[in-house]
Amino acid sequence: MSANKPHKGVLKRFQITKTGKVKHKSAFSKHLKSSKAPDRLRRLREDKYLTTAEAKAMERLLFRRLRGRTQPLSAIRRSPSPEESRKLKAEKQAARQAAVKAAE
């Protein structure tokens, strides 16, 4: 069975930041600019970020966790670092030993 592959068109058009937000260029900014106001053109030059709902839909295309522009960084589930894993394992083991001593 083949592995899940990310959507190539999405990868070309969107950029995923280090924090998991999805950045993209504004639409309507490539041509026919003479009929647009200067303040509108300035707004269109800014990069935009996907909303939470749009980011959720994008997750299905890219097979990875993303976050929208309004989600906190804690919304992304991440694996603990090796140091954190060892610390959690030691805490669980200490709790188990305390439970065994209490049962005796």
C-alpha atoms as a PDB file:
ATOM      1  CA  MET A   1       0.000   0.000   0.000  1.00  0.00           C
ATOM      2  CA  SER A   2       1.416   3.399  -0.948  1.00  0.00           C
ATOM      3  CA  ALA A   3       2.074   6.196   1.514  1.00  0.00           C
ATOM      4  CA  ASN A   4      -0.102   9.297   1.680  1.00  0.00           C
ATOM      5  CA  LYS A   5       1.267  12.029  -0.553  1.00  0.00           C
ATOM      6  CA  PRO A   6       0.647  15.755  -0.085  1.00  0.00           C
ATOM      7  CA  HIS A   7      -1.226  17.661  -2.797  1.00  0.00           C
ATOM      8  CA  LYS A   8       1.445  19.153  -5.092  1.00  0.00           C
ATOM      9  CA  GLY A   9      -0.674  22.125  -6.189  1.00  0.00           C
ATOM     10  CA  VAL A  10      -1.258  23.132  -2.582  1.00  0.00           C
ATOM     11  CA  LEU A  11       2.453  22.848  -1.804  1.00  0.00           C
ATOM     12  CA  LYS A  12       3.262  25.214  -4.680  1.00  0.00           C
ATOM     13  CA  ARG A  13       0.694  27.856  -3.718  1.00  0.00           C
ATOM     14  CA  PHE A  14       0.888  27.884   0.069  1.00  0.00           C
ATOM     15  CA  GLN A  15       3.724  28.215   2.544  1.00  0.00           C
ATOM     16  CA  ILE A  16       3.595  26.574   5.968  1.00  0.00           C
ATOM     17  CA  THR A  17       5.266  28.641   8.674  1.00  0.00           C
ATOM     18  CA  LYS A  18       7.317  27.194  11.499  1.00  0.00           C
ATOM     19  CA  THR A  19       4.381  27.642  13.875  1.00  0.00           C
ATOM     20  CA  GLY A  20       2.002  25.727  11.577  1.00  0.00           C
ATOM     21  CA  LYS A  21       0.114  28.653  10.063  1.00  0.00           C
ATOM     22  CA  VAL A  22      -0.605  28.560   6.332  1.00  0.00           C
ATOM     23  CA  LYS A  23       0.475  31.673   4.423  1.00  0.00           C
ATOM     24  CA  HIS A  24      -0.666  32.566   0.905  1.00  0.00           C
ATOM     25  CA  LYS A  25      -0.694  35.448  -1.571  1.00  0.00           C
ATOM     26  CA  SER A  26      -3.781  37.608  -2.042  1.00  0.00           C
ATOM     27  CA  ALA A  27      -6.000  37.062  -5.054  1.00  0.00           C
ATOM     28  CA  PHE A  28      -6.737  39.895  -7.537  1.00  0.00           C
ATOM     29  CA  SER A  29      -3.202  41.301  -7.356  1.00  0.00           C
ATOM     30  CA  LYS A  30      -1.540  40.121 -10.577  1.00  0.00           C
ATOM     31  CA  HIS A  31      -3.010  42.270 -13.371  1.00  0.00           C
ATOM     32  CA  LEU A  32      -5.658  44.922 -14.187  1.00  0.00           C
ATOM     33  CA  LYS A  33      -4.245  47.082 -11.409  1.00  0.00           C
ATOM     34  CA  SER A  34      -5.079  50.457 -12.970  1.00  0.00           C
ATOM     35  CA  SER A  35      -8.735  50.131 -11.963  1.00  0.00           C
ATOM     36  CA  LYS A  36      -7.835  49.398  -8.321  1.00  0.00           C
ATOM     37  CA  ALA A  37      -7.247  52.056  -5.679  1.00  0.00           C
ATOM     38  CA  PRO A  38      -3.699  52.453  -4.277  1.00  0.00           C
ATOM     39  CA  ASP A  39      -4.779  51.558  -0.741  1.00  0.00           C
ATOM     40  CA  ARG A  40      -6.430  48.403  -2.064  1.00  0.00           C
ATOM     41  CA  LEU A  41      -3.243  47.478  -3.935  1.00  0.00           C
ATOM     42  CA  ARG A  42      -1.221  47.959  -0.736  1.00  0.00           C
ATOM     43  CA  ARG A  43      -3.597  45.646   1.141  1.00  0.00           C
ATOM     44  CA  LEU A  44      -3.345  43.078  -1.645  1.00  0.00           C
ATOM     45  CA  ARG A  45       0.468  43.045  -1.369  1.00  0.00           C
ATOM     46  CA  GLU A  46       0.243  41.722   2.185  1.00  0.00           C
ATOM     47  CA  ASP A  47       0.459  37.985   2.731  1.00  0.00           C
ATOM     48  CA  LYS A  48      -2.671  36.386   4.147  1.00  0.00           C
ATOM     49  CA  TYR A  49      -3.138  33.446   6.513  1.00  0.00           C
ATOM     50  CA  LEU A  50      -5.811  30.759   6.306  1.00  0.00           C
ATOM     51  CA  THR A  51      -8.656  30.746   8.802  1.00  0.00           C
ATOM     52  CA  THR A  52      -9.067  27.836  11.184  1.00  0.00           C
ATOM     53  CA  ALA A  53     -11.789  26.217   9.053  1.00  0.00           C
ATOM     54  CA  GLU A  54      -9.715  26.548   5.887  1.00  0.00           C
ATOM     55  CA  ALA A  55      -6.664  25.115   7.654  1.00  0.00           C
ATOM     56  CA  LYS A  56      -8.709  22.090   8.753  1.00  0.00           C
ATOM     57  CA  ALA A  57      -9.681  21.413   5.126  1.00  0.00           C
ATOM     58  CA  MET A  58      -6.046  21.843   4.083  1.00  0.00           C
ATOM     59  CA  GLU A  59      -4.955  19.207   6.617  1.00  0.00           C
ATOM     60  CA  ARG A  60      -6.772  16.569   4.571  1.00  0.00           C
ATOM     61  CA  LEU A  61      -4.838  17.566   1.446  1.00  0.00           C
ATOM     62  CA  LEU A  62      -1.419  17.715   3.109  1.00  0.00           C
ATOM     63  CA  PHE A  63      -1.728  14.883   5.672  1.00  0.00           C
ATOM     64  CA  ARG A  64      -0.278  16.993   8.482  1.00  0.00           C
ATOM     65  CA  ARG A  65      -1.481  19.136  11.376  1.00  0.00           C
ATOM     66  CA  LEU A  66      -1.953  22.858  10.706  1.00  0.00           C
ATOM     67  CA  ARG A  67      -3.424  25.795  12.576  1.00  0.00           C
ATOM     68  CA  GLY A  68      -5.497  28.757  11.529  1.00  0.00           C
ATOM     69  CA  ARG A  69      -4.663  32.406  12.107  1.00  0.00           C
ATOM     70  CA  THR A  70      -6.881  32.590  15.217  1.00  0.00           C
ATOM     71  CA  GLN A  71      -5.792  29.344  16.864  1.00  0.00           C
ATOM     72  CA  PRO A  72      -3.280  29.426  19.717  1.00  0.00           C
ATOM     73  CA  LEU A  73       0.018  27.633  19.264  1.00  0.00           C
ATOM     74  CA  SER A  74      -1.074  25.074  21.861  1.00  0.00           C
ATOM     75  CA  ALA A  75      -3.760  23.891  19.407  1.00  0.00           C
ATOM     76  CA  ILE A  76      -1.148  21.870  17.537  1.00  0.00           C
ATOM     77  CA  ARG A  77      -0.603  18.440  18.994  1.00  0.00           C
ATOM     78  CA  ARG A  78       3.077  17.651  19.052  1.00  0.00           C
ATOM     79  CA  SER A  79       5.225  14.774  20.193  1.00  0.00           C
ATOM     80  CA  PRO A  80       7.216  15.338  23.372  1.00  0.00           C
ATOM     81  CA  SER A  81      10.984  15.728  23.102  1.00  0.00           C
ATOM     82  CA  PRO A  82      13.141  12.805  24.309  1.00  0.00           C
ATOM     83  CA  GLU A  83      13.903  14.684  27.544  1.00  0.00           C
ATOM     84  CA  GLU A  84      10.205  15.313  28.179  1.00  0.00           C
ATOM     85  CA  SER A  85       9.453  11.641  27.448  1.00  0.00           C
ATOM     86  CA  ARG A  86      12.047  10.475  29.978  1.00  0.00           C
ATOM     87  CA  LYS A  87      10.689  12.897  32.580  1.00  0.00           C
ATOM     88  CA  LEU A  88       7.085  11.721  32.047  1.00  0.00           C
ATOM     89  CA  LYS A  89       8.171   8.082  32.190  1.00  0.00           C
ATOM     90  CA  ALA A  90      10.026   8.673  35.477  1.00  0.00           C
ATOM     91  CA  GLU A  91       6.995  10.447  36.965  1.00  0.00           C
ATOM     92  CA  LYS A  92       4.686   7.576  35.981  1.00  0.00           C
ATOM     93  CA  GLN A  93       7.078   5.023  37.438  1.00  0.00           C
ATOM     94  CA  ALA A  94       7.324   6.979  40.713  1.00  0.00           C
ATOM     95  CA  ALA A  95       3.522   7.191  40.900  1.00  0.00           C
ATOM     96  CA  ARG A  96       3.242   3.430  40.293  1.00  0.00           C
ATOM     97  CA  GLN A  97       5.779   2.677  43.031  1.00  0.00           C
ATOM     98  CA  ALA A  98       3.926   4.967  45.436  1.00  0.00           C
ATOM     99  CA  ALA A  99       0.658   3.164  44.643  1.00  0.00           C
ATOM    100  CA  VAL A 100       2.282  -0.228  45.274  1.00  0.00           C
ATOM    101  CA  LYS A 101       3.673   0.938  48.639  1.00  0.00           C
ATOM    102  CA  ALA A 102       0.281   2.353  49.604  1.00  0.00           C
ATOM    103  CA  ALA A 103      -1.390  -0.962  48.753  1.00  0.00           C
ATOM    104  CA  GLU A 104       0.965  -2.893  51.063  1.00  0.00           C
END
